[in-house]
Amino acid sequence: MSFIKKIMALLKPEPTQEQIAGYSKQELKSLFSRPLAHTNLPAQPPTTSLESADICAFFSQFLIEPKDLVEFESLVESHFRKNTERTFNDLPVFEYESALSGDRLIFFASSREFNSVTIRLITNSLDFLTMLNRKKFAIPPPWFAFEGYEPSWWGGSMQGAQEYYDNNYFFSFFTQLSNVEKQSYYSRFRATDEWIERLESMYDTE
């Protein structure tokens, strides 16, 4: 299954409706019709192009702490103005546009997964993605996402929710942190010695 089909399968509300974040492909094609600038994407958050579906935009999904949602929304408001709002899977979906550049952003936030807030967005704004990269919103760690989960259980042949969380959110975030950033991350989320040892051994990139 192609990546774009995986996105649609994840986000569409009904099997008969091929949608992304409550928008049909035709709507998104119309909203995002300007060719994308071909340049290197920021490392974080993980982002992929929707050009294979003839949508000139990028898709990204990532986790943040619930208390970081206000800061994320402030970042949006500083860069765009709100156009419309609709409901998708009982969640509000917001559509924004930049008055200066004409760039667009569609996003919605869900607090249903991993004791965190999941942000899913579609945008053609490289400037906004760069701003997100500089902001470095922290992905909540495994002991935050899975309360009561033992460090010794993390890794190996993980399946289900733990595998999905690691493959789609945590791995790409944690492995790009510098040693100094890791120490700050451990302190922020009050990592125990056992968790630090487990992560350092599992994600050894040196």
N, C-alpha and C. Protein backbone atom coordinates (compact mmCIF):
# COMPACT_ATOMS: atom_id res chain seq x y z
N MET A 1 0.86 -1.19 0.00
CA MET A 1 0.00 0.00 0.00
C MET A 1 0.90 1.25 0.00
N SER A 2 0.61 2.21 -0.88
CA SER A 2 1.40 3.42 -0.95
C SER A 2 1.20 4.26 0.30
N PHE A 3 2.15 5.19 0.54
CA PHE A 3 2.06 6.01 1.75
C PHE A 3 0.80 6.86 1.73
N ILE A 4 0.47 7.44 0.58
CA ILE A 4 -0.72 8.28 0.51
C ILE A 4 -1.98 7.48 0.82
N LYS A 5 -2.04 6.23 0.36
CA LYS A 5 -3.20 5.40 0.67
C LYS A 5 -3.26 5.05 2.15
N LYS A 6 -2.08 4.87 2.77
CA LYS A 6 -2.04 4.60 4.20
C LYS A 6 -2.58 5.80 4.98
N ILE A 7 -2.21 7.00 4.54
CA ILE A 7 -2.72 8.20 5.20
C ILE A 7 -4.23 8.27 5.09
N MET A 8 -4.74 8.02 3.89
CA MET A 8 -6.18 8.08 3.69
C MET A 8 -6.90 7.00 4.48
N ALA A 9 -6.31 5.81 4.52
CA ALA A 9 -6.92 4.72 5.29
C ALA A 9 -6.95 5.06 6.77
N LEU A 10 -5.93 5.77 7.24
CA LEU A 10 -5.87 6.13 8.65
C LEU A 10 -6.88 7.21 8.99
N LEU A 11 -7.10 8.16 8.09
CA LEU A 11 -7.87 9.35 8.43
C LEU A 11 -9.28 9.42 7.86
N LYS A 12 -9.63 8.57 6.90
CA LYS A 12 -10.96 8.69 6.33
C LYS A 12 -12.00 8.14 7.30
N PRO A 13 -13.17 8.79 7.41
CA PRO A 13 -14.17 8.36 8.38
C PRO A 13 -14.97 7.16 7.94
N GLU A 14 -15.14 6.95 6.65
CA GLU A 14 -15.95 5.85 6.15
C GLU A 14 -15.25 5.23 4.95
N PRO A 15 -15.42 3.89 4.74
CA PRO A 15 -14.76 3.23 3.62
C PRO A 15 -15.12 3.81 2.27
N THR A 16 -16.32 4.39 2.16
CA THR A 16 -16.76 4.90 0.87
C THR A 16 -16.27 6.32 0.60
N GLN A 17 -15.69 6.96 1.60
CA GLN A 17 -15.24 8.33 1.44
C GLN A 17 -13.72 8.40 1.52
N GLU A 18 -13.08 8.72 0.41
CA GLU A 18 -11.63 8.84 0.41
C GLU A 18 -11.29 10.27 0.78
N GLN A 19 -10.93 10.46 2.05
CA GLN A 19 -10.68 11.79 2.57
C GLN A 19 -9.40 11.82 3.38
N ILE A 20 -8.85 13.02 3.50
CA ILE A 20 -7.75 13.27 4.41
C ILE A 20 -8.19 14.42 5.31
N ALA A 21 -8.24 14.16 6.60
CA ALA A 21 -8.64 15.18 7.57
C ALA A 21 -9.99 15.81 7.25
N GLY A 22 -10.89 15.02 6.71
CA GLY A 22 -12.23 15.51 6.41
C GLY A 22 -12.37 16.23 5.09
N TYR A 23 -11.30 16.24 4.29
CA TYR A 23 -11.32 16.88 2.97
C TYR A 23 -11.19 15.82 1.89
N SER A 24 -11.96 15.96 0.83
CA SER A 24 -11.81 15.05 -0.30
C SER A 24 -10.55 15.39 -1.08
N LYS A 25 -10.11 14.46 -1.90
CA LYS A 25 -8.93 14.72 -2.73
C LYS A 25 -9.16 15.92 -3.64
N GLN A 26 -10.36 16.04 -4.19
CA GLN A 26 -10.63 17.16 -5.09
C GLN A 26 -10.56 18.49 -4.36
N GLU A 27 -11.09 18.53 -3.13
CA GLU A 27 -11.00 19.77 -2.36
C GLU A 27 -9.54 20.14 -2.10
N LEU A 28 -8.75 19.16 -1.72
CA LEU A 28 -7.35 19.42 -1.42
C LEU A 28 -6.58 19.81 -2.68
N LYS A 29 -6.90 19.20 -3.80
CA LYS A 29 -6.26 19.58 -5.07
C LYS A 29 -6.54 21.04 -5.39
N SER A 30 -7.77 21.47 -5.12
CA SER A 30 -8.15 22.85 -5.39
C SER A 30 -7.47 23.82 -4.43
N LEU A 31 -7.40 23.46 -3.16
CA LEU A 31 -6.79 24.32 -2.17
C LEU A 31 -5.27 24.41 -2.33
N PHE A 32 -4.67 23.26 -2.69
CA PHE A 32 -3.22 23.19 -2.82
C PHE A 32 -2.85 22.89 -4.28
N SER A 33 -2.91 23.92 -5.10
CA SER A 33 -2.67 23.74 -6.54
C SER A 33 -1.33 24.33 -6.98
N ARG A 34 -0.74 25.18 -6.18
CA ARG A 34 0.53 25.81 -6.54
C ARG A 34 1.67 24.81 -6.38
N PRO A 35 2.51 24.63 -7.39
CA PRO A 35 3.62 23.66 -7.29
C PRO A 35 4.49 23.93 -6.08
N LEU A 36 4.91 22.86 -5.44
CA LEU A 36 5.77 22.98 -4.27
C LEU A 36 7.20 23.33 -4.67
N ALA A 37 7.85 24.09 -3.82
CA ALA A 37 9.28 24.36 -4.01
C ALA A 37 10.04 23.09 -3.65
N HIS A 38 10.94 22.68 -4.50
CA HIS A 38 11.70 21.45 -4.25
C HIS A 38 12.94 21.80 -3.44
N THR A 39 12.86 21.52 -2.17
CA THR A 39 13.95 21.81 -1.25
C THR A 39 13.94 20.76 -0.15
N ASN A 40 15.00 20.71 0.63
CA ASN A 40 15.07 19.74 1.71
C ASN A 40 14.08 20.11 2.81
N LEU A 41 13.32 19.12 3.26
CA LEU A 41 12.36 19.34 4.33
C LEU A 41 13.08 19.31 5.68
N PRO A 42 12.58 20.06 6.66
CA PRO A 42 13.16 19.98 8.00
C PRO A 42 13.08 18.56 8.55
N ALA A 43 14.00 18.22 9.44
CA ALA A 43 14.04 16.86 9.98
C ALA A 43 12.84 16.54 10.86
N GLN A 44 12.36 17.52 11.59
CA GLN A 44 11.22 17.35 12.47
C GLN A 44 10.22 18.47 12.24
N PRO A 45 8.93 18.18 12.33
CA PRO A 45 8.36 16.85 12.49
C PRO A 45 8.46 16.06 11.18
N PRO A 46 8.37 14.71 11.26
CA PRO A 46 8.41 13.90 10.04
C PRO A 46 7.31 14.35 9.07
N THR A 47 7.70 14.56 7.83
CA THR A 47 6.79 15.13 6.84
C THR A 47 6.95 14.40 5.51
N THR A 48 5.84 14.25 4.80
CA THR A 48 5.90 13.63 3.48
C THR A 48 5.08 14.44 2.49
N SER A 49 5.49 14.40 1.24
CA SER A 49 4.78 15.12 0.19
C SER A 49 3.54 14.33 -0.26
N LEU A 50 2.49 15.05 -0.61
CA LEU A 50 1.27 14.44 -1.14
C LEU A 50 1.19 14.59 -2.67
N GLU A 51 2.32 14.92 -3.27
CA GLU A 51 2.32 15.18 -4.72
C GLU A 51 1.94 13.94 -5.53
N SER A 52 2.19 12.75 -4.99
CA SER A 52 1.83 11.53 -5.73
C SER A 52 0.32 11.41 -5.88
N ALA A 53 -0.42 12.14 -5.06
CA ALA A 53 -1.89 12.17 -5.17
C ALA A 53 -2.35 13.46 -5.86
N ASP A 54 -1.41 14.15 -6.51
CA ASP A 54 -1.68 15.41 -7.21
C ASP A 54 -2.15 16.51 -6.26
N ILE A 55 -1.71 16.44 -5.01
CA ILE A 55 -1.99 17.47 -4.01
C ILE A 55 -0.66 18.14 -3.68
N CYS A 56 -0.55 19.42 -3.99
CA CYS A 56 0.72 20.13 -3.82
C CYS A 56 0.87 20.62 -2.38
N ALA A 57 1.06 19.65 -1.49
CA ALA A 57 1.15 19.96 -0.06
C ALA A 57 1.93 18.86 0.64
N PHE A 58 2.22 19.12 1.91
CA PHE A 58 2.90 18.15 2.76
C PHE A 58 1.96 17.70 3.87
N PHE A 59 2.13 16.45 4.29
CA PHE A 59 1.37 15.90 5.41
C PHE A 59 2.31 15.58 6.55
N SER A 60 1.90 15.89 7.77
CA SER A 60 2.70 15.55 8.94
C SER A 60 1.79 15.20 10.10
N GLN A 61 2.24 14.25 10.92
CA GLN A 61 1.55 13.95 12.17
C GLN A 61 2.60 13.72 13.25
N PHE A 62 2.34 14.25 14.43
CA PHE A 62 3.29 14.15 15.51
C PHE A 62 2.56 14.32 16.85
N LEU A 63 3.24 13.92 17.92
CA LEU A 63 2.68 14.02 19.26
C LEU A 63 3.31 15.20 20.01
N ILE A 64 2.51 15.83 20.86
CA ILE A 64 3.01 16.85 21.77
C ILE A 64 2.36 16.65 23.13
N GLU A 65 2.96 17.23 24.14
CA GLU A 65 2.33 17.23 25.46
C GLU A 65 1.05 18.06 25.41
N PRO A 66 0.02 17.67 26.16
CA PRO A 66 -1.21 18.49 26.18
C PRO A 66 -0.95 19.96 26.50
N LYS A 67 -0.01 20.23 27.40
CA LYS A 67 0.25 21.62 27.78
C LYS A 67 0.93 22.42 26.66
N ASP A 68 1.45 21.71 25.63
CA ASP A 68 2.10 22.40 24.50
C ASP A 68 1.11 22.80 23.41
N LEU A 69 -0.14 22.36 23.54
CA LEU A 69 -1.12 22.64 22.47
C LEU A 69 -1.35 24.14 22.31
N VAL A 70 -1.42 24.87 23.42
CA VAL A 70 -1.63 26.32 23.34
C VAL A 70 -0.48 26.99 22.59
N GLU A 71 0.74 26.53 22.84
CA GLU A 71 1.90 27.10 22.15
C GLU A 71 1.86 26.78 20.66
N PHE A 72 1.45 25.56 20.31
CA PHE A 72 1.32 25.20 18.90
C PHE A 72 0.27 26.09 18.22
N GLU A 73 -0.88 26.26 18.88
CA GLU A 73 -1.94 27.08 18.30
C GLU A 73 -1.50 28.54 18.16
N SER A 74 -0.70 29.02 19.09
CA SER A 74 -0.18 30.39 18.99
C SER A 74 0.76 30.53 17.79
N LEU A 75 1.53 29.48 17.54
CA LEU A 75 2.43 29.48 16.38
C LEU A 75 1.62 29.55 15.09
N VAL A 76 0.53 28.80 15.04
CA VAL A 76 -0.36 28.84 13.87
C VAL A 76 -0.92 30.24 13.69
N GLU A 77 -1.45 30.81 14.77
CA GLU A 77 -2.10 32.13 14.69
C GLU A 77 -1.11 33.22 14.30
N SER A 78 0.16 33.05 14.62
CA SER A 78 1.16 34.06 14.27
C SER A 78 1.53 34.02 12.80
N HIS A 79 1.21 32.92 12.14
CA HIS A 79 1.64 32.72 10.76
C HIS A 79 0.47 32.75 9.77
N PHE A 80 -0.72 32.44 10.23
CA PHE A 80 -1.89 32.33 9.36
C PHE A 80 -3.10 33.05 9.98
N ARG A 81 -4.12 33.22 9.15
CA ARG A 81 -5.42 33.67 9.65
C ARG A 81 -6.44 32.59 9.34
N LYS A 82 -7.38 32.41 10.24
CA LYS A 82 -8.36 31.34 10.12
C LYS A 82 -9.39 31.64 9.03
N ASN A 83 -9.63 30.65 8.18
CA ASN A 83 -10.64 30.77 7.13
C ASN A 83 -11.94 30.08 7.52
N THR A 84 -11.86 28.77 7.73
CA THR A 84 -13.07 27.99 8.00
C THR A 84 -12.79 26.93 9.05
N GLU A 85 -13.86 26.31 9.49
CA GLU A 85 -13.77 25.20 10.45
C GLU A 85 -14.85 24.19 10.10
N ARG A 86 -14.52 22.92 10.20
CA ARG A 86 -15.49 21.85 9.98
C ARG A 86 -15.24 20.75 11.01
N THR A 87 -16.12 19.76 11.03
CA THR A 87 -15.99 18.66 11.99
C THR A 87 -15.62 17.38 11.27
N PHE A 88 -14.68 16.64 11.85
CA PHE A 88 -14.23 15.38 11.29
C PHE A 88 -14.01 14.40 12.43
N ASN A 89 -14.70 13.26 12.38
CA ASN A 89 -14.59 12.28 13.47
C ASN A 89 -14.81 12.92 14.84
N ASP A 90 -15.81 13.81 14.89
CA ASP A 90 -16.18 14.52 16.13
C ASP A 90 -15.09 15.45 16.63
N LEU A 91 -14.16 15.83 15.77
CA LEU A 91 -13.09 16.76 16.13
C LEU A 91 -13.13 17.97 15.20
N PRO A 92 -12.86 19.17 15.73
CA PRO A 92 -12.81 20.34 14.85
C PRO A 92 -11.56 20.33 13.97
N VAL A 93 -11.76 20.63 12.69
CA VAL A 93 -10.66 20.74 11.73
C VAL A 93 -10.60 22.20 11.28
N PHE A 94 -9.42 22.80 11.37
CA PHE A 94 -9.26 24.22 11.09
C PHE A 94 -8.49 24.43 9.79
N GLU A 95 -8.99 25.37 9.00
CA GLU A 95 -8.32 25.73 7.75
C GLU A 95 -7.84 27.17 7.86
N TYR A 96 -6.55 27.38 7.59
CA TYR A 96 -5.93 28.69 7.70
C TYR A 96 -5.27 29.08 6.39
N GLU A 97 -5.06 30.40 6.24
CA GLU A 97 -4.36 30.92 5.05
C GLU A 97 -3.49 32.09 5.46
N SER A 98 -2.34 32.22 4.83
CA SER A 98 -1.46 33.36 5.06
C SER A 98 -1.85 34.50 4.13
N ALA A 99 -2.10 35.67 4.70
CA ALA A 99 -2.48 36.83 3.89
C ALA A 99 -1.32 37.30 3.02
N LEU A 100 -0.09 37.06 3.46
CA LEU A 100 1.08 37.54 2.73
C LEU A 100 1.49 36.60 1.60
N SER A 101 1.61 35.33 1.91
CA SER A 101 2.14 34.38 0.93
C SER A 101 1.07 33.57 0.21
N GLY A 102 -0.13 33.49 0.79
CA GLY A 102 -1.16 32.63 0.21
C GLY A 102 -1.00 31.18 0.61
N ASP A 103 0.01 30.86 1.43
CA ASP A 103 0.18 29.49 1.92
C ASP A 103 -1.02 29.09 2.77
N ARG A 104 -1.28 27.79 2.81
CA ARG A 104 -2.43 27.29 3.54
C ARG A 104 -2.01 26.24 4.56
N LEU A 105 -2.86 26.07 5.56
CA LEU A 105 -2.66 25.05 6.58
C LEU A 105 -4.02 24.49 6.98
N ILE A 106 -4.11 23.17 7.03
CA ILE A 106 -5.27 22.47 7.58
C ILE A 106 -4.74 21.60 8.72
N PHE A 107 -5.37 21.67 9.88
CA PHE A 107 -4.90 20.79 10.96
C PHE A 107 -6.05 20.45 11.91
N PHE A 108 -5.88 19.32 12.59
CA PHE A 108 -6.75 19.01 13.72
C PHE A 108 -5.94 18.31 14.79
N ALA A 109 -6.42 18.41 16.02
CA ALA A 109 -5.72 17.85 17.18
C ALA A 109 -6.63 16.87 17.90
N SER A 110 -6.04 15.76 18.32
CA SER A 110 -6.79 14.72 19.04
C SER A 110 -6.05 14.35 20.31
N SER A 111 -6.80 14.20 21.41
CA SER A 111 -6.21 13.78 22.68
C SER A 111 -6.57 12.35 23.02
N ARG A 112 -6.84 11.53 22.00
CA ARG A 112 -7.31 10.17 22.20
C ARG A 112 -6.19 9.13 22.22
N GLU A 113 -4.96 9.54 21.97
CA GLU A 113 -3.87 8.56 21.83
C GLU A 113 -2.70 8.91 22.74
N PHE A 114 -2.12 7.89 23.38
CA PHE A 114 -0.81 7.95 24.03
C PHE A 114 -0.71 9.03 25.12
N ASN A 115 -1.81 9.33 25.80
CA ASN A 115 -1.79 10.36 26.86
C ASN A 115 -1.22 11.67 26.35
N SER A 116 -1.36 11.91 25.07
CA SER A 116 -0.73 13.06 24.42
C SER A 116 -1.75 13.71 23.49
N VAL A 117 -1.32 14.74 22.81
CA VAL A 117 -2.12 15.36 21.76
C VAL A 117 -1.48 15.02 20.42
N THR A 118 -2.26 14.42 19.53
CA THR A 118 -1.79 14.12 18.18
C THR A 118 -2.17 15.27 17.25
N ILE A 119 -1.18 15.87 16.63
CA ILE A 119 -1.40 16.91 15.63
C ILE A 119 -1.28 16.28 14.26
N ARG A 120 -2.28 16.47 13.42
CA ARG A 120 -2.20 16.06 12.02
C ARG A 120 -2.45 17.29 11.17
N LEU A 121 -1.56 17.54 10.22
CA LEU A 121 -1.67 18.76 9.44
C LEU A 121 -1.32 18.54 7.97
N ILE A 122 -1.88 19.41 7.15
CA ILE A 122 -1.60 19.47 5.72
C ILE A 122 -1.24 20.92 5.42
N THR A 123 -0.12 21.16 4.78
CA THR A 123 0.28 22.53 4.48
C THR A 123 1.21 22.55 3.27
N ASN A 124 1.25 23.72 2.63
CA ASN A 124 2.25 23.94 1.58
C ASN A 124 3.28 24.98 2.01
N SER A 125 3.28 25.26 3.31
CA SER A 125 4.17 26.30 3.83
C SER A 125 5.45 25.70 4.39
N LEU A 126 6.53 25.83 3.64
CA LEU A 126 7.83 25.40 4.13
C LEU A 126 8.29 26.28 5.30
N ASP A 127 7.89 27.54 5.28
CA ASP A 127 8.24 28.44 6.38
C ASP A 127 7.65 27.92 7.69
N PHE A 128 6.39 27.49 7.65
CA PHE A 128 5.76 27.01 8.88
C PHE A 128 6.41 25.71 9.35
N LEU A 129 6.72 24.81 8.42
CA LEU A 129 7.38 23.57 8.80
C LEU A 129 8.76 23.85 9.40
N THR A 130 9.44 24.85 8.87
CA THR A 130 10.74 25.24 9.44
C THR A 130 10.57 25.81 10.84
N MET A 131 9.51 26.58 11.05
CA MET A 131 9.22 27.11 12.38
C MET A 131 8.96 25.98 13.37
N LEU A 132 8.22 24.97 12.95
CA LEU A 132 7.96 23.82 13.81
C LEU A 132 9.26 23.11 14.16
N ASN A 133 10.14 22.98 13.18
CA ASN A 133 11.42 22.33 13.41
C ASN A 133 12.25 23.09 14.45
N ARG A 134 12.24 24.41 14.35
CA ARG A 134 13.00 25.23 15.30
C ARG A 134 12.38 25.17 16.70
N LYS A 135 11.08 25.03 16.75
CA LYS A 135 10.37 24.99 18.04
C LYS A 135 10.70 23.73 18.82
N LYS A 136 10.96 22.65 18.11
CA LYS A 136 11.35 21.38 18.73
C LYS A 136 10.35 20.93 19.80
N PHE A 137 9.09 20.82 19.41
CA PHE A 137 8.11 20.25 20.33
C PHE A 137 8.54 18.83 20.68
N ALA A 138 8.56 18.51 21.97
CA ALA A 138 9.03 17.21 22.42
C ALA A 138 7.93 16.15 22.30
N ILE A 139 8.30 15.00 21.72
CA ILE A 139 7.40 13.84 21.71
C ILE A 139 7.39 13.25 23.10
N PRO A 140 6.24 13.12 23.75
CA PRO A 140 6.21 12.50 25.08
C PRO A 140 6.83 11.11 25.06
N PRO A 141 7.64 10.76 26.06
CA PRO A 141 8.38 9.50 26.06
C PRO A 141 7.49 8.29 26.38
N PRO A 142 8.05 7.09 26.24
CA PRO A 142 7.25 5.87 26.45
C PRO A 142 6.57 5.80 27.81
N TRP A 143 7.25 6.23 28.88
CA TRP A 143 6.64 6.13 30.21
C TRP A 143 5.52 7.14 30.40
N PHE A 144 5.47 8.13 29.54
CA PHE A 144 4.38 9.11 29.51
C PHE A 144 3.23 8.57 28.66
N ALA A 145 3.58 8.01 27.50
CA ALA A 145 2.57 7.50 26.56
C ALA A 145 1.90 6.23 27.09
N PHE A 146 2.66 5.41 27.81
CA PHE A 146 2.14 4.13 28.32
C PHE A 146 2.39 4.08 29.83
N GLU A 147 1.52 4.68 30.57
CA GLU A 147 1.69 4.78 32.02
C GLU A 147 1.81 3.39 32.65
N GLY A 148 2.84 3.21 33.46
CA GLY A 148 3.05 1.94 34.13
C GLY A 148 3.83 0.92 33.32
N TYR A 149 4.26 1.28 32.11
CA TYR A 149 5.00 0.36 31.25
C TYR A 149 6.43 0.21 31.77
N GLU A 150 6.90 -1.02 31.90
CA GLU A 150 8.22 -1.27 32.45
C GLU A 150 9.33 -1.03 31.41
N PRO A 151 10.45 -0.43 31.82
CA PRO A 151 11.55 -0.21 30.88
C PRO A 151 12.03 -1.49 30.21
N SER A 152 12.04 -2.58 30.96
CA SER A 152 12.55 -3.85 30.41
C SER A 152 11.67 -4.40 29.30
N TRP A 153 10.43 -3.93 29.22
CA TRP A 153 9.52 -4.40 28.17
C TRP A 153 9.72 -3.63 26.86
N TRP A 154 10.43 -2.50 26.94
CA TRP A 154 10.54 -1.62 25.77
C TRP A 154 11.60 -2.14 24.81
N GLY A 155 11.23 -2.29 23.55
CA GLY A 155 12.17 -2.76 22.54
C GLY A 155 11.88 -4.18 22.14
N GLY A 156 12.85 -4.79 21.48
CA GLY A 156 12.67 -6.18 21.04
C GLY A 156 11.57 -6.30 20.02
N SER A 157 10.66 -7.21 20.28
CA SER A 157 9.58 -7.49 19.31
C SER A 157 8.28 -6.82 19.73
N MET A 158 8.33 -5.51 19.90
CA MET A 158 7.12 -4.78 20.27
C MET A 158 6.08 -4.88 19.17
N GLN A 159 4.82 -4.90 19.57
CA GLN A 159 3.72 -4.97 18.63
C GLN A 159 2.63 -3.99 19.07
N GLY A 160 1.61 -3.89 18.25
CA GLY A 160 0.45 -3.10 18.61
C GLY A 160 0.75 -1.63 18.80
N ALA A 161 0.18 -1.06 19.87
CA ALA A 161 0.28 0.38 20.11
C ALA A 161 1.72 0.82 20.34
N GLN A 162 2.51 0.00 21.04
CA GLN A 162 3.89 0.37 21.31
C GLN A 162 4.71 0.43 20.01
N GLU A 163 4.53 -0.55 19.16
CA GLU A 163 5.24 -0.56 17.87
C GLU A 163 4.82 0.64 17.02
N TYR A 164 3.54 0.93 16.97
CA TYR A 164 3.04 2.06 16.17
C TYR A 164 3.61 3.38 16.69
N TYR A 165 3.59 3.55 18.01
CA TYR A 165 4.11 4.77 18.63
C TYR A 165 5.60 4.95 18.32
N ASP A 166 6.37 3.87 18.45
CA ASP A 166 7.80 3.96 18.21
C ASP A 166 8.11 4.23 16.74
N ASN A 167 7.45 3.49 15.83
CA ASN A 167 7.71 3.63 14.40
C ASN A 167 7.29 4.98 13.85
N ASN A 168 6.18 5.51 14.35
CA ASN A 168 5.59 6.71 13.76
C ASN A 168 5.93 8.00 14.48
N TYR A 169 6.34 7.90 15.74
CA TYR A 169 6.58 9.12 16.50
C TYR A 169 7.94 9.16 17.20
N PHE A 170 8.18 8.21 18.10
CA PHE A 170 9.29 8.36 19.03
C PHE A 170 10.66 8.16 18.40
N PHE A 171 10.84 7.12 17.61
CA PHE A 171 12.15 6.78 17.07
C PHE A 171 12.78 7.95 16.31
N SER A 172 12.05 8.51 15.36
CA SER A 172 12.63 9.59 14.53
C SER A 172 12.93 10.83 15.36
N PHE A 173 12.14 11.06 16.41
CA PHE A 173 12.38 12.23 17.27
C PHE A 173 13.60 12.01 18.16
N PHE A 174 13.61 10.89 18.87
CA PHE A 174 14.66 10.67 19.88
C PHE A 174 16.04 10.52 19.25
N THR A 175 16.13 9.83 18.13
CA THR A 175 17.43 9.54 17.53
C THR A 175 18.09 10.76 16.90
N GLN A 176 17.35 11.87 16.72
CA GLN A 176 18.00 13.06 16.18
C GLN A 176 18.39 14.06 17.27
N LEU A 177 18.14 13.71 18.54
CA LEU A 177 18.54 14.58 19.63
C LEU A 177 20.05 14.49 19.87
N SER A 178 20.64 15.62 20.16
CA SER A 178 22.05 15.61 20.56
C SER A 178 22.15 15.10 22.00
N ASN A 179 23.37 14.82 22.46
CA ASN A 179 23.55 14.36 23.83
C ASN A 179 23.05 15.39 24.84
N VAL A 180 23.31 16.65 24.58
CA VAL A 180 22.84 17.71 25.47
C VAL A 180 21.31 17.76 25.48
N GLU A 181 20.70 17.64 24.30
CA GLU A 181 19.24 17.66 24.21
C GLU A 181 18.62 16.46 24.90
N LYS A 182 19.29 15.32 24.83
CA LYS A 182 18.79 14.13 25.53
C LYS A 182 18.77 14.35 27.03
N GLN A 183 19.82 14.93 27.56
CA GLN A 183 19.87 15.17 29.01
C GLN A 183 18.75 16.12 29.44
N SER A 184 18.50 17.13 28.63
CA SER A 184 17.40 18.06 28.91
C SER A 184 16.06 17.35 28.83
N TYR A 185 15.94 16.46 27.86
CA TYR A 185 14.70 15.68 27.68
C TYR A 185 14.45 14.78 28.88
N TYR A 186 15.49 14.08 29.33
CA TYR A 186 15.36 13.20 30.50
C TYR A 186 14.92 14.00 31.73
N SER A 187 15.51 15.18 31.88
CA SER A 187 15.17 16.02 33.03
C SER A 187 13.73 16.51 32.95
N ARG A 188 13.32 16.94 31.78
CA ARG A 188 11.97 17.47 31.61
C ARG A 188 10.91 16.43 31.95
N PHE A 189 11.15 15.19 31.51
CA PHE A 189 10.15 14.15 31.72
C PHE A 189 10.48 13.21 32.88
N ARG A 190 11.44 13.62 33.71
CA ARG A 190 11.78 12.91 34.94
C ARG A 190 12.03 11.42 34.67
N ALA A 191 12.93 11.18 33.75
CA ALA A 191 13.27 9.80 33.38
C ALA A 191 14.00 9.11 34.53
N THR A 192 13.64 7.88 34.82
CA THR A 192 14.35 7.11 35.83
C THR A 192 15.65 6.58 35.22
N ASP A 193 16.57 6.14 36.09
CA ASP A 193 17.82 5.57 35.61
C ASP A 193 17.56 4.36 34.72
N GLU A 194 16.55 3.58 35.07
CA GLU A 194 16.22 2.38 34.30
C GLU A 194 15.77 2.74 32.89
N TRP A 195 14.95 3.78 32.77
CA TRP A 195 14.49 4.20 31.44
C TRP A 195 15.63 4.79 30.62
N ILE A 196 16.47 5.57 31.27
CA ILE A 196 17.61 6.16 30.55
C ILE A 196 18.51 5.06 30.00
N GLU A 197 18.82 4.08 30.83
CA GLU A 197 19.68 2.98 30.40
C GLU A 197 19.04 2.21 29.25
N ARG A 198 17.72 2.00 29.33
CA ARG A 198 17.03 1.25 28.27
C ARG A 198 17.06 2.01 26.96
N LEU A 199 16.77 3.29 26.99
CA LEU A 199 16.76 4.08 25.75
C LEU A 199 18.14 4.21 25.16
N GLU A 200 19.14 4.41 26.01
CA GLU A 200 20.50 4.59 25.51
C GLU A 200 21.00 3.31 24.85
N SER A 201 20.62 2.16 25.39
CA SER A 201 21.07 0.91 24.79
C SER A 201 20.28 0.56 23.53
N MET A 202 19.01 0.89 23.52
CA MET A 202 18.15 0.54 22.38
C MET A 202 18.40 1.45 21.18
N TYR A 203 18.63 2.75 21.45
CA TYR A 203 18.76 3.72 20.37
C TYR A 203 20.19 4.23 20.25
N ASP A 204 21.15 3.37 20.50
CA ASP A 204 22.56 3.76 20.40
C ASP A 204 22.89 4.08 18.95
N THR A 205 23.15 5.37 18.67
CA THR A 205 23.43 5.81 17.29
C THR A 205 24.90 6.13 17.09
N GLU A 206 25.71 5.92 18.10
CA GLU A 206 27.14 6.26 17.97
C GLU A 206 27.91 5.08 17.37
